[in-house]
Protein backbone atom coordinates (compact mmCIF):
# COMPACT_ATOMS: atom_id res chain seq x y z
CA MET A 1 -25.37 44.39 23.00
CA ARG A 2 -25.89 47.47 20.76
CA ASP A 3 -27.38 47.69 17.34
CA THR A 4 -28.62 50.22 14.83
CA SER A 5 -28.54 48.53 11.53
CA LEU A 6 -29.44 44.94 12.19
CA HIS A 7 -31.98 43.37 9.74
CA VAL A 8 -33.50 39.89 10.17
CA ILE A 9 -34.75 37.92 7.26
CA PHE A 10 -37.19 35.19 8.25
CA ASP A 11 -38.07 32.05 6.36
CA TRP A 12 -41.79 31.42 6.59
CA ASN A 13 -42.68 27.75 6.25
CA GLY A 14 -41.47 25.80 9.30
CA THR A 15 -39.78 28.84 10.81
CA LEU A 16 -42.57 31.22 11.64
CA LEU A 17 -45.40 28.88 10.52
CA ASP A 18 -45.58 25.36 11.94
CA ASP A 19 -46.88 23.75 8.70
CA VAL A 20 -45.08 20.45 8.65
CA PRO A 21 -48.36 18.56 9.50
CA ALA A 22 -50.07 20.18 6.58
CA CYS A 23 -47.25 19.26 4.24
CA VAL A 24 -47.22 15.66 5.43
CA GLN A 25 -50.95 15.38 5.07
CA ALA A 26 -50.91 16.68 1.55
CA LEU A 27 -47.93 14.52 0.57
CA ASN A 28 -49.42 11.41 2.02
CA CYS A 29 -52.56 11.88 0.00
CA MET A 30 -50.47 12.15 -3.11
CA LEU A 31 -48.41 9.06 -2.21
CA LYS A 32 -51.62 7.02 -1.56
CA ARG A 33 -52.98 8.02 -4.93
CA ARG A 34 -49.81 6.61 -6.46
CA ARG A 35 -49.72 3.45 -4.25
CA LEU A 36 -46.57 4.61 -2.60
CA PRO A 37 -45.89 4.20 1.12
CA PRO A 38 -46.79 7.13 3.42
CA VAL A 39 -44.21 9.06 5.44
CA THR A 40 -44.21 10.06 9.03
CA GLU A 41 -43.24 13.61 10.11
CA GLN A 42 -39.82 12.28 11.16
CA GLN A 43 -39.29 10.60 7.79
CA TYR A 44 -40.35 13.75 6.05
CA ARG A 45 -37.80 15.81 8.08
CA ASP A 46 -35.12 13.27 7.30
CA GLN A 47 -35.61 13.44 3.58
CA PHE A 48 -37.11 16.87 2.68
CA GLY A 49 -34.91 19.16 0.76
CA PHE A 50 -34.52 21.60 -2.20
CA PRO A 51 -35.16 21.44 -5.07
CA VAL A 52 -38.45 19.81 -4.05
CA MET A 53 -38.71 17.89 -7.30
CA SER A 54 -35.68 15.84 -6.23
CA PHE A 55 -37.30 15.22 -2.79
CA TYR A 56 -40.35 13.77 -4.60
CA ARG A 57 -38.19 11.48 -6.66
CA ARG A 58 -36.60 10.13 -3.43
CA LEU A 59 -40.06 9.18 -2.26
CA GLY A 60 -40.81 7.21 -5.39
CA PHE A 61 -42.43 9.76 -7.79
CA ASP A 62 -41.68 8.99 -11.39
CA PHE A 63 -41.45 12.13 -13.44
CA GLU A 64 -40.75 10.12 -16.57
CA SER A 65 -44.29 8.83 -16.60
CA GLU A 66 -46.10 11.85 -14.99
CA ASP A 67 -45.79 15.63 -15.28
CA TRP A 68 -43.93 17.48 -12.46
CA ASP A 69 -46.04 20.69 -13.12
CA LYS A 70 -49.31 18.73 -12.42
CA ALA A 71 -47.84 17.09 -9.28
CA ALA A 72 -46.85 20.50 -7.95
CA VAL A 73 -50.30 21.94 -8.55
CA GLU A 74 -51.83 18.82 -6.83
CA PHE A 75 -49.68 19.31 -3.83
CA HIS A 76 -50.56 22.99 -3.39
CA GLN A 77 -54.29 22.30 -3.81
CA LEU A 78 -53.97 19.65 -1.01
CA TYR A 79 -51.74 21.83 1.15
CA ARG A 80 -54.19 24.74 1.04
CA ARG A 81 -56.95 22.50 2.42
CA HIS A 82 -54.88 21.89 5.54
CA VAL A 83 -52.70 24.93 6.16
CA GLY A 84 -55.55 26.99 7.61
CA GLY A 85 -55.33 24.75 10.72
CA CYS A 86 -51.62 25.39 11.20
CA LYS A 87 -50.43 27.66 14.01
CA LEU A 88 -47.44 29.90 14.31
CA ARG A 89 -44.33 28.58 15.96
CA ASP A 90 -44.25 29.37 19.66
CA GLY A 91 -42.97 32.86 20.33
CA ALA A 92 -43.28 34.04 16.70
CA ALA A 93 -45.50 37.08 17.30
CA ASP A 94 -43.68 38.06 20.56
CA LEU A 95 -40.26 37.93 18.76
CA LEU A 96 -41.53 40.06 15.87
CA ALA A 97 -43.10 42.63 18.23
CA ARG A 98 -39.85 42.82 20.25
CA LEU A 99 -37.70 43.30 17.09
CA GLN A 100 -40.08 46.07 15.94
CA LYS A 101 -40.07 47.75 19.36
CA PHE A 102 -36.30 48.03 19.25
CA GLY A 103 -36.08 49.24 15.56
CA ILE A 104 -34.62 45.99 14.15
CA GLY A 105 -35.82 45.59 10.52
CA ALA A 106 -37.49 42.34 9.37
CA SER A 107 -38.31 40.78 6.07
CA VAL A 108 -39.58 37.43 4.88
CA LEU A 109 -37.74 35.24 2.27
CA SER A 110 -39.72 32.10 1.19
CA ALA A 111 -39.87 29.47 -1.53
CA SER A 112 -43.75 30.04 -1.48
CA GLU A 113 -45.47 31.80 -4.31
CA THR A 114 -45.56 35.57 -3.48
CA SER A 115 -49.31 36.23 -3.61
CA PHE A 116 -50.10 33.18 -1.41
CA LEU A 117 -47.32 34.13 0.95
CA GLU A 118 -48.81 37.68 1.40
CA SER A 119 -52.19 36.25 2.03
CA GLU A 120 -50.80 33.80 4.66
CA LEU A 121 -48.98 36.58 6.48
CA SER A 122 -52.15 38.67 6.53
CA ARG A 123 -54.22 35.67 7.68
CA CYS A 124 -51.79 35.10 10.62
CA GLY A 125 -51.77 38.86 11.48
CA LEU A 126 -48.03 39.30 10.86
CA ARG A 127 -47.88 41.34 7.57
CA SER A 128 -47.31 44.72 9.35
CA PHE A 129 -44.11 43.43 10.97
CA PHE A 130 -42.25 43.09 7.64
CA ALA A 131 -40.69 45.80 5.48
CA ARG A 132 -40.32 43.41 2.62
CA VAL A 133 -41.96 40.10 1.63
CA SER A 134 -39.98 38.05 -1.03
CA GLY A 135 -41.49 34.89 -2.38
CA ILE A 136 -41.12 33.30 -5.83
CA SER A 137 -43.17 33.70 -8.99
CA ASN A 138 -44.25 29.99 -9.21
CA ILE A 139 -45.22 27.01 -7.09
CA TYR A 140 -42.19 24.78 -7.80
CA ALA A 141 -40.07 25.70 -4.80
CA ASP A 142 -36.84 25.30 -6.64
CA SER A 143 -34.55 27.77 -4.76
CA LYS A 144 -34.62 31.00 -2.79
CA LEU A 145 -31.21 32.10 -3.95
CA SER A 146 -32.25 34.53 -6.61
CA SER A 147 -34.78 36.15 -4.40
CA ALA A 148 -32.22 36.46 -1.62
CA LYS A 149 -29.73 38.26 -3.84
CA GLN A 150 -32.52 40.85 -4.86
CA LEU A 151 -33.50 41.18 -1.24
CA ALA A 152 -29.95 41.83 -0.16
CA GLY A 153 -29.75 44.74 -2.65
CA GLU A 154 -32.97 46.19 -1.33
CA ILE A 155 -31.93 46.04 2.29
CA ALA A 156 -28.62 47.73 1.46
CA LEU A 157 -26.71 46.83 4.63
CA PRO A 158 -23.35 45.07 5.03
CA PRO A 159 -23.85 41.30 5.12
CA ARG A 160 -22.72 41.09 8.78
CA TYR A 161 -25.76 43.07 9.76
CA ILE A 162 -28.24 40.77 8.00
CA ILE A 163 -29.26 37.51 9.67
CA LEU A 164 -31.24 34.83 7.92
CA LEU A 165 -33.32 32.77 10.34
CA GLY A 166 -34.51 29.49 8.75
CA ASP A 167 -35.09 25.85 9.24
CA THR A 168 -33.34 24.03 6.41
CA THR A 169 -29.85 23.40 5.05
CA HIS A 170 -31.05 25.33 1.94
CA ASP A 171 -31.40 28.48 4.16
CA ALA A 172 -27.78 28.02 5.30
CA GLU A 173 -26.62 27.52 1.66
CA VAL A 174 -28.37 30.65 0.58
CA ALA A 175 -27.00 32.66 3.43
CA ARG A 176 -23.46 31.50 2.79
CA THR A 177 -23.72 32.30 -0.87
CA VAL A 178 -25.16 35.88 -0.50
CA GLY A 179 -23.04 36.60 2.60
CA PHE A 180 -25.74 36.70 5.26
CA ARG A 181 -25.24 35.28 8.74
CA CYS A 182 -27.49 32.40 9.45
CA VAL A 183 -29.26 30.87 12.48
CA LEU A 184 -31.22 27.61 12.05
CA LEU A 185 -34.31 26.73 14.05
CA THR A 186 -34.93 23.09 14.83
CA GLY A 187 -38.34 21.45 14.74
CA GLY A 188 -39.17 22.64 11.24
CA HIS A 189 -38.86 20.90 7.89
CA GLN A 190 -35.57 19.17 8.50
CA SER A 191 -34.17 17.05 11.23
CA ASP A 192 -31.80 18.37 13.97
CA GLU A 193 -29.11 15.98 12.73
CA ARG A 194 -29.13 17.36 9.23
CA LEU A 195 -29.10 21.01 10.43
CA SER A 196 -26.19 20.37 12.76
CA ARG A 197 -23.96 19.71 9.75
CA CYS A 198 -24.25 23.27 8.41
CA GLY A 199 -21.99 24.87 11.01
CA CYS A 200 -24.64 27.50 11.92
CA PRO A 201 -25.95 28.39 15.39
CA LEU A 202 -28.96 26.27 16.20
CA ILE A 203 -31.93 27.28 18.39
CA SER A 204 -34.68 25.11 19.60
CA ASP A 205 -37.38 27.85 19.71
CA LEU A 206 -37.78 31.39 18.66
CA ARG A 207 -37.16 32.81 22.12
CA GLY A 208 -33.59 31.63 21.63
CA PHE A 209 -33.14 34.01 18.82
CA TRP A 210 -33.44 37.02 20.99
CA SER A 211 -30.71 35.60 23.20
CA PHE A 212 -28.55 35.16 20.11
CA ILE A 213 -28.77 38.69 18.90
CA ARG A 214 -28.22 40.11 22.46
CA ASN A 215 -25.09 38.15 23.02
CA ASP A 216 -23.38 37.91 19.57
CA GLU A 217 -20.31 40.16 19.50
CA ALA A 218 -20.19 39.84 15.72
CA ILE A 219 -23.09 42.24 15.38
CA ASP A 220 -21.95 44.82 17.88
CA CYS A 221 -21.35 48.30 16.58
CA ASN A 222 -20.85 51.89 17.92
CA GLY A 223 -23.27 54.55 18.94
CA CYS A 224 -26.38 52.50 18.95
CA VAL A 225 -29.48 51.55 20.93
CA THR A 226 -28.87 49.13 23.78
CA LEU A 227 -31.16 45.99 23.68
CA PRO A 228 -32.29 45.32 27.27
CA GLY A 229 -33.81 42.33 28.88
CA PRO A 230 -32.54 39.07 30.36
CA THR A 231 -30.94 36.47 28.32
CA ASP A 232 -34.21 34.41 28.10
CA GLY A 233 -34.77 31.40 26.04
CA PRO A 234 -32.71 28.17 25.59
CA ALA A 235 -29.00 28.08 24.89
CA VAL A 236 -27.77 28.44 21.39
CA ARG A 237 -25.96 25.45 20.04
CA GLN A 238 -23.33 25.54 17.37
CA GLY A 239 -23.64 23.04 14.48
CA LYS A 240 -20.70 21.22 13.02
CA GLN A 241 -18.76 22.86 10.20
CA LYS A 242 -19.86 20.37 7.54
CA ARG A 243 -22.10 20.88 4.55
CA GLU A 244 -24.81 18.45 3.90
CA GLN A 245 -24.26 16.31 0.83
């Protein structure tokens, strides 16, 4: 496979950073304070979604009687206590180094607040891999769509040469709206079953993404650098062409 103009946009939470345990710990602390039942990691993956406020309501939060802004602040205070113990997803640093070696651009698109996102990338030793870091200006995690549109303009490539790698149905929705191609990574913030409805290629670990870009004819172009190496990593699965309701 050949490429000169490929750019990969990475989601952060759940895609590069394995932070589901920190989210569940923070959330269960909040649920306990409200005398609501806790969730397991699997239950979290079965229910989590955007906007996050709607997800909280599904768990029993009553925003008629309490303020959503205060709940959002509470979650982030608790999350920051636990996230320092979270590790990168397997193969994250190796994949980023390989993309950089072959001149493939990379950016981050996240529903995290931008300054915190920057600090987390630096803490994990990954900031230098990214040309652009695009978060949001608040802690409410409503949507990444506006940031994605702005990022698309900054990258200034045809959409077929931009791939969004994420771990939620929202990533697929954002990619579809903006015109990016999308690959979804299982084992993040949503269950495999939910991701399979999006119709996007699914990979089970980050090594599988290198296999995807080496073998995908849709991103082939002329007069470019050849990407060498074996087709390592697990097979890429194709999700069903059905949007999650």
